[in-house]
N, C-alpha and C. Protein backbone atom coordinates (compact mmCIF):
# COMPACT_ATOMS: atom_id res chain seq x y z
N MET A 1 28.04 -3.45 -6.49
CA MET A 1 26.77 -2.76 -6.46
C MET A 1 26.89 -1.34 -5.95
N GLY A 2 27.88 -1.05 -5.16
CA GLY A 2 28.07 0.31 -4.70
C GLY A 2 27.33 0.62 -3.41
N LYS A 3 27.32 1.89 -3.07
CA LYS A 3 26.67 2.34 -1.85
C LYS A 3 25.15 2.29 -2.02
N PRO A 4 24.45 1.86 -0.98
CA PRO A 4 23.00 1.72 -1.08
C PRO A 4 22.26 2.99 -1.49
N ASN A 5 22.69 4.15 -1.04
CA ASN A 5 21.97 5.38 -1.35
C ASN A 5 22.49 6.11 -2.58
N SER A 6 23.44 5.52 -3.29
CA SER A 6 23.94 6.18 -4.49
C SER A 6 23.01 5.91 -5.66
N LEU A 7 23.18 6.68 -6.70
CA LEU A 7 22.37 6.48 -7.90
C LEU A 7 22.79 5.24 -8.68
N GLY A 8 23.97 4.73 -8.38
CA GLY A 8 24.44 3.57 -9.13
C GLY A 8 24.53 3.93 -10.60
N ASN A 9 23.97 3.08 -11.43
CA ASN A 9 23.97 3.30 -12.88
C ASN A 9 22.65 3.87 -13.37
N THR A 10 21.91 4.53 -12.50
CA THR A 10 20.58 5.03 -12.84
C THR A 10 20.56 5.80 -14.16
N LEU A 11 21.42 6.78 -14.29
CA LEU A 11 21.37 7.63 -15.49
C LEU A 11 21.70 6.84 -16.75
N LYS A 12 22.62 5.89 -16.61
CA LYS A 12 22.99 5.04 -17.75
C LYS A 12 21.81 4.14 -18.14
N ILE A 13 21.17 3.56 -17.15
CA ILE A 13 20.02 2.67 -17.41
C ILE A 13 18.87 3.46 -18.04
N VAL A 14 18.62 4.65 -17.53
CA VAL A 14 17.55 5.50 -18.08
C VAL A 14 17.82 5.76 -19.56
N LYS A 15 19.05 6.09 -19.91
CA LYS A 15 19.39 6.36 -21.33
C LYS A 15 19.17 5.10 -22.19
N ILE A 16 19.55 3.95 -21.67
CA ILE A 16 19.38 2.70 -22.41
C ILE A 16 17.90 2.44 -22.68
N VAL A 17 17.08 2.59 -21.65
CA VAL A 17 15.65 2.31 -21.80
C VAL A 17 14.97 3.37 -22.66
N GLU A 18 15.39 4.61 -22.54
CA GLU A 18 14.83 5.66 -23.41
C GLU A 18 15.11 5.36 -24.88
N SER A 19 16.28 4.82 -25.16
CA SER A 19 16.62 4.53 -26.55
C SER A 19 16.02 3.20 -27.03
N ASP A 20 15.63 2.34 -26.08
CA ASP A 20 14.99 1.07 -26.44
C ASP A 20 13.87 0.77 -25.44
N PRO A 21 12.70 1.42 -25.61
CA PRO A 21 11.60 1.28 -24.65
C PRO A 21 11.09 -0.16 -24.45
N LYS A 22 11.44 -1.05 -25.37
CA LYS A 22 11.02 -2.45 -25.20
C LYS A 22 11.68 -3.09 -23.98
N LYS A 23 12.72 -2.46 -23.47
CA LYS A 23 13.41 -2.97 -22.27
C LYS A 23 12.70 -2.56 -20.97
N PHE A 24 11.74 -1.65 -21.07
CA PHE A 24 11.08 -1.14 -19.88
C PHE A 24 10.40 -2.24 -19.05
N PRO A 25 9.68 -3.19 -19.66
CA PRO A 25 9.07 -4.26 -18.85
C PRO A 25 10.09 -5.07 -18.04
N GLN A 26 11.29 -5.26 -18.58
CA GLN A 26 12.34 -5.96 -17.83
C GLN A 26 12.73 -5.16 -16.59
N LEU A 27 12.81 -3.86 -16.74
CA LEU A 27 13.15 -2.98 -15.63
C LEU A 27 12.06 -3.04 -14.56
N LEU A 28 10.80 -3.00 -14.99
CA LEU A 28 9.68 -3.08 -14.05
C LEU A 28 9.72 -4.37 -13.22
N LYS A 29 10.07 -5.46 -13.85
CA LYS A 29 10.12 -6.75 -13.13
C LYS A 29 11.11 -6.73 -11.98
N LEU A 30 12.11 -5.87 -12.08
CA LEU A 30 13.11 -5.78 -11.01
C LEU A 30 12.53 -5.21 -9.72
N LEU A 31 11.34 -4.60 -9.79
CA LEU A 31 10.69 -4.12 -8.57
C LEU A 31 10.33 -5.29 -7.65
N LEU A 32 10.21 -6.47 -8.22
CA LEU A 32 9.87 -7.66 -7.44
C LEU A 32 11.10 -8.51 -7.12
N HIS A 33 12.27 -7.99 -7.42
CA HIS A 33 13.52 -8.72 -7.16
C HIS A 33 13.69 -8.97 -5.67
N LYS A 34 14.32 -10.09 -5.32
CA LYS A 34 14.48 -10.42 -3.89
C LYS A 34 15.45 -9.49 -3.17
N ASP A 35 16.37 -8.87 -3.91
CA ASP A 35 17.36 -7.96 -3.33
C ASP A 35 16.78 -6.54 -3.31
N SER A 36 16.66 -5.97 -2.13
CA SER A 36 16.05 -4.64 -2.02
C SER A 36 16.88 -3.56 -2.72
N LEU A 37 18.19 -3.72 -2.78
CA LEU A 37 19.03 -2.74 -3.47
C LEU A 37 18.73 -2.74 -4.97
N VAL A 38 18.55 -3.91 -5.55
CA VAL A 38 18.19 -4.01 -6.97
C VAL A 38 16.83 -3.35 -7.20
N ALA A 39 15.87 -3.64 -6.32
CA ALA A 39 14.53 -3.06 -6.44
C ALA A 39 14.59 -1.54 -6.29
N MET A 40 15.41 -1.05 -5.37
CA MET A 40 15.54 0.40 -5.15
C MET A 40 16.10 1.09 -6.40
N ARG A 41 17.14 0.51 -6.96
CA ARG A 41 17.75 1.12 -8.15
C ARG A 41 16.76 1.09 -9.31
N ALA A 42 16.02 -0.01 -9.45
CA ALA A 42 15.01 -0.09 -10.51
C ALA A 42 13.94 0.98 -10.31
N MET A 43 13.51 1.18 -9.06
CA MET A 43 12.49 2.19 -8.79
C MET A 43 13.01 3.59 -9.12
N ASN A 44 14.27 3.86 -8.82
CA ASN A 44 14.85 5.16 -9.19
C ASN A 44 14.76 5.39 -10.70
N ASP A 45 15.13 4.35 -11.45
CA ASP A 45 15.09 4.44 -12.92
C ASP A 45 13.65 4.65 -13.40
N ILE A 46 12.74 3.87 -12.86
CA ILE A 46 11.34 3.91 -13.29
C ILE A 46 10.72 5.27 -13.01
N LYS A 47 10.98 5.82 -11.83
CA LYS A 47 10.43 7.14 -11.51
C LYS A 47 10.96 8.19 -12.47
N ARG A 48 12.24 8.14 -12.77
CA ARG A 48 12.83 9.11 -13.71
C ARG A 48 12.19 8.97 -15.09
N LEU A 49 12.06 7.74 -15.55
CA LEU A 49 11.49 7.51 -16.88
C LEU A 49 10.03 7.96 -16.95
N MET A 50 9.24 7.60 -15.95
CA MET A 50 7.82 7.93 -15.97
C MET A 50 7.58 9.43 -15.84
N ARG A 51 8.36 10.09 -15.02
CA ARG A 51 8.19 11.53 -14.84
C ARG A 51 8.64 12.30 -16.08
N ALA A 52 9.61 11.77 -16.79
CA ALA A 52 10.12 12.44 -17.99
C ALA A 52 9.23 12.20 -19.21
N ASP A 53 8.54 11.06 -19.25
CA ASP A 53 7.77 10.70 -20.44
C ASP A 53 6.58 9.84 -20.02
N LYS A 54 5.38 10.42 -20.14
CA LYS A 54 4.17 9.71 -19.72
C LYS A 54 3.93 8.43 -20.52
N ASP A 55 4.58 8.29 -21.66
CA ASP A 55 4.43 7.06 -22.44
C ASP A 55 4.96 5.85 -21.69
N PHE A 56 5.83 6.07 -20.72
CA PHE A 56 6.28 4.97 -19.87
C PHE A 56 5.24 4.68 -18.77
N PHE A 57 4.54 5.71 -18.34
CA PHE A 57 3.56 5.56 -17.25
C PHE A 57 2.25 4.94 -17.73
N ASP A 58 1.66 5.51 -18.76
CA ASP A 58 0.30 5.14 -19.16
C ASP A 58 0.04 3.65 -19.32
N PRO A 59 0.87 2.93 -20.07
CA PRO A 59 0.57 1.49 -20.24
C PRO A 59 0.80 0.67 -18.97
N GLN A 60 1.49 1.23 -18.00
CA GLN A 60 1.85 0.47 -16.80
C GLN A 60 1.06 0.88 -15.56
N LYS A 61 0.19 1.87 -15.67
CA LYS A 61 -0.43 2.39 -14.45
C LYS A 61 -1.21 1.32 -13.69
N GLU A 62 -1.88 0.45 -14.41
CA GLU A 62 -2.63 -0.61 -13.73
C GLU A 62 -1.69 -1.59 -13.03
N SER A 63 -0.59 -1.92 -13.66
CA SER A 63 0.36 -2.86 -13.04
C SER A 63 1.04 -2.25 -11.82
N LEU A 64 1.15 -0.93 -11.77
CA LEU A 64 1.72 -0.28 -10.59
C LEU A 64 0.83 -0.52 -9.36
N ILE A 65 -0.45 -0.71 -9.60
CA ILE A 65 -1.40 -0.95 -8.52
C ILE A 65 -1.56 -2.45 -8.25
N LYS A 66 -1.71 -3.23 -9.30
CA LYS A 66 -2.06 -4.64 -9.13
C LYS A 66 -0.87 -5.59 -8.98
N VAL A 67 0.24 -5.30 -9.64
CA VAL A 67 1.36 -6.24 -9.66
C VAL A 67 2.49 -5.78 -8.73
N TYR A 68 3.01 -4.60 -9.00
CA TYR A 68 4.22 -4.16 -8.30
C TYR A 68 3.97 -3.73 -6.86
N SER A 69 2.71 -3.50 -6.52
CA SER A 69 2.37 -3.18 -5.13
C SER A 69 2.55 -4.40 -4.23
N LYS A 70 2.75 -5.56 -4.82
CA LYS A 70 2.97 -6.79 -4.04
C LYS A 70 4.42 -6.95 -3.57
N SER A 71 5.27 -6.03 -3.97
CA SER A 71 6.67 -6.09 -3.55
C SER A 71 6.74 -6.04 -2.03
N LYS A 72 7.69 -6.78 -1.49
CA LYS A 72 7.88 -6.79 -0.03
C LYS A 72 8.81 -5.66 0.43
N HIS A 73 9.40 -4.96 -0.52
CA HIS A 73 10.40 -3.95 -0.18
C HIS A 73 9.78 -2.59 0.10
N ASN A 74 10.15 -2.01 1.24
CA ASN A 74 9.67 -0.68 1.59
C ASN A 74 10.05 0.36 0.54
N VAL A 75 11.22 0.21 -0.04
CA VAL A 75 11.68 1.19 -1.03
C VAL A 75 10.77 1.19 -2.26
N VAL A 76 10.21 0.06 -2.62
CA VAL A 76 9.27 -0.01 -3.74
C VAL A 76 7.94 0.62 -3.33
N LYS A 77 7.49 0.30 -2.13
CA LYS A 77 6.23 0.88 -1.63
C LYS A 77 6.34 2.41 -1.59
N LEU A 78 7.46 2.90 -1.09
CA LEU A 78 7.67 4.34 -1.04
C LEU A 78 7.68 4.95 -2.45
N GLY A 79 8.36 4.30 -3.37
CA GLY A 79 8.38 4.78 -4.75
C GLY A 79 7.00 4.79 -5.38
N LEU A 80 6.21 3.75 -5.09
CA LEU A 80 4.85 3.70 -5.61
C LEU A 80 3.99 4.82 -5.01
N ILE A 81 4.15 5.05 -3.71
CA ILE A 81 3.40 6.14 -3.07
C ILE A 81 3.70 7.46 -3.78
N THR A 82 4.97 7.71 -4.09
CA THR A 82 5.32 8.97 -4.75
C THR A 82 4.80 9.01 -6.19
N LEU A 83 4.82 7.89 -6.88
CA LEU A 83 4.25 7.86 -8.24
C LEU A 83 2.74 8.04 -8.20
N TYR A 84 2.07 7.38 -7.27
CA TYR A 84 0.62 7.57 -7.13
C TYR A 84 0.31 9.05 -6.89
N PHE A 85 1.10 9.67 -6.02
CA PHE A 85 0.91 11.09 -5.71
C PHE A 85 1.12 11.95 -6.95
N ASP A 86 2.22 11.72 -7.65
CA ASP A 86 2.56 12.53 -8.83
C ASP A 86 1.55 12.39 -9.97
N PHE A 87 1.00 11.20 -10.12
CA PHE A 87 0.12 10.91 -11.26
C PHE A 87 -1.34 10.73 -10.83
N ILE A 88 -1.72 11.27 -9.70
CA ILE A 88 -3.04 11.02 -9.12
C ILE A 88 -4.18 11.32 -10.09
N LYS A 89 -4.01 12.33 -10.91
CA LYS A 89 -5.08 12.72 -11.84
C LYS A 89 -5.25 11.73 -12.99
N GLU A 90 -4.30 10.84 -13.15
CA GLU A 90 -4.34 9.88 -14.25
C GLU A 90 -5.10 8.59 -13.89
N PHE A 91 -5.42 8.43 -12.61
CA PHE A 91 -6.07 7.20 -12.17
C PHE A 91 -7.59 7.35 -12.14
N SER A 92 -8.29 6.26 -12.43
CA SER A 92 -9.75 6.24 -12.36
C SER A 92 -10.19 6.20 -10.89
N SER A 93 -11.47 6.40 -10.65
CA SER A 93 -11.95 6.38 -9.26
C SER A 93 -11.77 5.00 -8.64
N SER A 94 -11.94 3.92 -9.41
CA SER A 94 -11.73 2.58 -8.84
C SER A 94 -10.25 2.35 -8.54
N GLU A 95 -9.37 2.87 -9.38
CA GLU A 95 -7.94 2.76 -9.12
C GLU A 95 -7.56 3.57 -7.87
N LEU A 96 -8.17 4.74 -7.71
CA LEU A 96 -7.90 5.56 -6.53
C LEU A 96 -8.34 4.85 -5.25
N LYS A 97 -9.44 4.12 -5.33
CA LYS A 97 -9.89 3.35 -4.15
C LYS A 97 -8.87 2.29 -3.78
N ARG A 98 -8.32 1.63 -4.78
CA ARG A 98 -7.30 0.61 -4.54
C ARG A 98 -6.03 1.25 -3.97
N ILE A 99 -5.65 2.40 -4.51
CA ILE A 99 -4.48 3.13 -4.02
C ILE A 99 -4.69 3.51 -2.56
N LYS A 100 -5.89 3.98 -2.24
CA LYS A 100 -6.21 4.34 -0.85
C LYS A 100 -6.05 3.12 0.05
N SER A 101 -6.58 1.98 -0.36
CA SER A 101 -6.48 0.75 0.44
C SER A 101 -5.03 0.33 0.64
N LEU A 102 -4.26 0.36 -0.44
CA LEU A 102 -2.84 -0.01 -0.36
C LEU A 102 -2.10 0.93 0.60
N THR A 103 -2.34 2.22 0.45
CA THR A 103 -1.63 3.20 1.27
C THR A 103 -2.01 3.06 2.73
N LEU A 104 -3.29 2.89 3.01
CA LEU A 104 -3.71 2.67 4.40
C LEU A 104 -3.06 1.41 4.98
N LYS A 105 -2.99 0.38 4.18
CA LYS A 105 -2.36 -0.88 4.62
C LYS A 105 -0.88 -0.66 4.93
N TRP A 106 -0.17 -0.02 3.99
CA TRP A 106 1.26 0.18 4.17
C TRP A 106 1.55 1.09 5.36
N VAL A 107 0.76 2.15 5.51
CA VAL A 107 0.96 3.06 6.65
C VAL A 107 0.63 2.33 7.95
N GLY A 108 -0.35 1.45 7.92
CA GLY A 108 -0.72 0.68 9.11
C GLY A 108 0.31 -0.35 9.51
N GLU A 109 1.01 -0.90 8.54
CA GLU A 109 1.98 -1.97 8.80
C GLU A 109 3.42 -1.48 9.00
N SER A 110 3.71 -0.30 8.50
CA SER A 110 5.10 0.14 8.42
C SER A 110 5.56 0.93 9.65
N GLU A 111 6.84 0.79 9.92
CA GLU A 111 7.51 1.63 10.91
C GLU A 111 8.46 2.60 10.21
N ASP A 112 8.59 2.47 8.89
CA ASP A 112 9.47 3.31 8.10
C ASP A 112 8.93 4.73 8.07
N TRP A 113 9.71 5.68 8.59
CA TRP A 113 9.22 7.05 8.71
C TRP A 113 8.88 7.68 7.36
N MET A 114 9.59 7.28 6.31
CA MET A 114 9.33 7.87 4.99
C MET A 114 8.00 7.37 4.43
N ILE A 115 7.72 6.08 4.62
CA ILE A 115 6.43 5.55 4.17
C ILE A 115 5.30 6.23 4.95
N LEU A 116 5.50 6.42 6.25
CA LEU A 116 4.47 7.06 7.07
C LEU A 116 4.23 8.50 6.62
N ALA A 117 5.30 9.27 6.47
CA ALA A 117 5.15 10.68 6.10
C ALA A 117 4.61 10.85 4.67
N GLN A 118 5.18 10.11 3.72
CA GLN A 118 4.71 10.22 2.33
C GLN A 118 3.33 9.60 2.17
N GLY A 119 3.06 8.54 2.93
CA GLY A 119 1.74 7.93 2.90
C GLY A 119 0.68 8.90 3.40
N LEU A 120 0.98 9.63 4.46
CA LEU A 120 0.05 10.65 4.97
C LEU A 120 -0.20 11.73 3.92
N LYS A 121 0.86 12.14 3.25
CA LYS A 121 0.75 13.16 2.21
C LYS A 121 -0.19 12.69 1.10
N LEU A 122 -0.03 11.44 0.68
CA LEU A 122 -0.89 10.88 -0.36
C LEU A 122 -2.32 10.74 0.15
N LEU A 123 -2.49 10.24 1.37
CA LEU A 123 -3.84 10.07 1.92
C LEU A 123 -4.57 11.41 2.04
N GLU A 124 -3.84 12.45 2.41
CA GLU A 124 -4.46 13.78 2.48
C GLU A 124 -4.96 14.21 1.10
N LYS A 125 -4.15 13.98 0.08
CA LYS A 125 -4.54 14.35 -1.28
C LYS A 125 -5.76 13.53 -1.72
N LEU A 126 -5.78 12.25 -1.38
CA LEU A 126 -6.92 11.40 -1.71
C LEU A 126 -8.18 11.87 -0.98
N ALA A 127 -8.04 12.30 0.27
CA ALA A 127 -9.18 12.79 1.05
C ALA A 127 -9.74 14.10 0.48
N ARG A 128 -8.90 14.86 -0.16
CA ARG A 128 -9.38 16.10 -0.80
C ARG A 128 -10.17 15.76 -2.07
N ILE A 129 -9.79 14.68 -2.74
CA ILE A 129 -10.51 14.23 -3.93
C ILE A 129 -11.84 13.57 -3.54
N ASP A 130 -11.79 12.75 -2.50
CA ASP A 130 -12.99 12.04 -2.03
C ASP A 130 -13.14 12.26 -0.53
N PRO A 131 -13.91 13.28 -0.15
CA PRO A 131 -14.06 13.61 1.27
C PRO A 131 -14.64 12.47 2.13
N ARG A 132 -15.25 11.47 1.50
CA ARG A 132 -15.80 10.34 2.27
C ARG A 132 -14.72 9.54 2.99
N ILE A 133 -13.48 9.64 2.55
CA ILE A 133 -12.41 8.88 3.22
C ILE A 133 -11.73 9.68 4.34
N GLN A 134 -12.18 10.91 4.52
CA GLN A 134 -11.57 11.75 5.56
C GLN A 134 -11.53 11.09 6.94
N PRO A 135 -12.62 10.45 7.39
CA PRO A 135 -12.55 9.83 8.73
C PRO A 135 -11.41 8.82 8.88
N GLU A 136 -11.17 8.02 7.85
CA GLU A 136 -10.06 7.05 7.90
C GLU A 136 -8.71 7.76 7.95
N VAL A 137 -8.56 8.79 7.14
CA VAL A 137 -7.30 9.52 7.09
C VAL A 137 -7.07 10.27 8.41
N ILE A 138 -8.11 10.85 8.93
CA ILE A 138 -8.00 11.55 10.22
C ILE A 138 -7.61 10.58 11.33
N ALA A 139 -8.18 9.38 11.33
CA ALA A 139 -7.84 8.38 12.35
C ALA A 139 -6.36 8.01 12.27
N VAL A 140 -5.84 7.84 11.08
CA VAL A 140 -4.42 7.52 10.89
C VAL A 140 -3.56 8.69 11.37
N ALA A 141 -3.93 9.89 10.97
CA ALA A 141 -3.15 11.08 11.36
C ALA A 141 -3.17 11.28 12.88
N LYS A 142 -4.30 11.02 13.51
CA LYS A 142 -4.38 11.16 14.97
C LYS A 142 -3.42 10.18 15.65
N ARG A 143 -3.37 8.97 15.12
CA ARG A 143 -2.48 7.95 15.68
C ARG A 143 -1.01 8.37 15.51
N LEU A 144 -0.69 8.95 14.36
CA LEU A 144 0.70 9.28 14.05
C LEU A 144 1.15 10.65 14.57
N GLN A 145 0.23 11.48 15.03
CA GLN A 145 0.65 12.80 15.53
C GLN A 145 1.48 12.72 16.80
N ILE A 146 1.46 11.55 17.45
CA ILE A 146 2.28 11.37 18.65
C ILE A 146 3.51 10.49 18.39
N ASP A 147 3.79 10.25 17.11
CA ASP A 147 4.97 9.48 16.74
C ASP A 147 6.22 10.18 17.26
N SER A 148 7.19 9.38 17.69
CA SER A 148 8.41 9.96 18.26
C SER A 148 9.29 10.66 17.22
N ARG A 149 9.06 10.35 15.95
CA ARG A 149 9.86 10.99 14.90
C ARG A 149 9.18 12.27 14.44
N LYS A 150 9.94 13.34 14.52
CA LYS A 150 9.40 14.67 14.25
C LYS A 150 8.76 14.78 12.87
N ALA A 151 9.38 14.22 11.84
CA ALA A 151 8.85 14.33 10.48
C ALA A 151 7.47 13.69 10.37
N VAL A 152 7.29 12.57 11.04
CA VAL A 152 6.00 11.85 10.99
C VAL A 152 4.95 12.63 11.78
N ALA A 153 5.29 13.00 13.01
CA ALA A 153 4.34 13.72 13.87
C ALA A 153 3.94 15.06 13.24
N THR A 154 4.90 15.78 12.69
CA THR A 154 4.62 17.08 12.07
C THR A 154 3.70 16.91 10.87
N LYS A 155 3.97 15.92 10.03
CA LYS A 155 3.13 15.68 8.86
C LYS A 155 1.72 15.31 9.30
N ALA A 156 1.59 14.48 10.32
CA ALA A 156 0.27 14.08 10.82
C ALA A 156 -0.52 15.28 11.32
N LYS A 157 0.15 16.16 12.06
CA LYS A 157 -0.51 17.37 12.57
C LYS A 157 -0.94 18.28 11.42
N LYS A 158 -0.11 18.38 10.40
CA LYS A 158 -0.43 19.18 9.21
C LYS A 158 -1.66 18.62 8.49
N VAL A 159 -1.70 17.31 8.38
CA VAL A 159 -2.85 16.65 7.73
C VAL A 159 -4.12 16.94 8.53
N LEU A 160 -4.04 16.80 9.85
CA LEU A 160 -5.20 17.06 10.70
C LEU A 160 -5.69 18.50 10.56
N SER A 161 -4.78 19.45 10.58
CA SER A 161 -5.22 20.85 10.44
C SER A 161 -5.71 21.13 9.02
N GLY A 162 -5.11 20.50 8.04
CA GLY A 162 -5.51 20.71 6.65
C GLY A 162 -6.88 20.13 6.33
N LEU A 163 -7.23 19.03 6.96
CA LEU A 163 -8.51 18.39 6.68
C LEU A 163 -9.65 18.95 7.53
N LYS A 164 -9.33 19.69 8.59
CA LYS A 164 -10.38 20.28 9.43
C LYS A 164 -11.30 21.18 8.65
N GLY A 165 -10.74 21.96 7.75
CA GLY A 165 -11.53 22.94 7.01
C GLY A 165 -12.31 22.38 5.83
N ILE A 166 -12.16 21.10 5.56
CA ILE A 166 -12.83 20.50 4.39
C ILE A 166 -14.04 19.68 4.86
N ASN A 167 -15.15 19.92 4.26
CA ASN A 167 -16.35 19.10 4.56
C ASN A 167 -17.23 19.05 3.36
């Protein structure tokens, strides 16, 4: 399987799926694999495919919220947070509400600094779209501004200062 942080066969898999898009659902199912390394590699492939061609994203956007968000792996949650952020304009208001709930849940449960920092980034963007959620986002950012990890605390402080001017 190789080193956990390497790309593995990502580029090879992306080429295979690009040439045969019917294989994409098989790749998506790997997000729920019991092995986090398999799920991580699948998420790398999926993000590359979706960012390169929206035809991979559009039919799956609902499943990214309803099915694959059930993964127990932080690496999948982090990947979903980044996809939600990248494709935020493609989601309906009801889908955005679900994304907000998922992100608040993950940020509330996680100790992973990347989920916390990227989750804050997504929550800030959601709060700019729907100012009614600002109090929830501000509460999370206030809690995290004293986090011992600089990246988390700095992002939380940035969110707090960024949302102050919006009403």
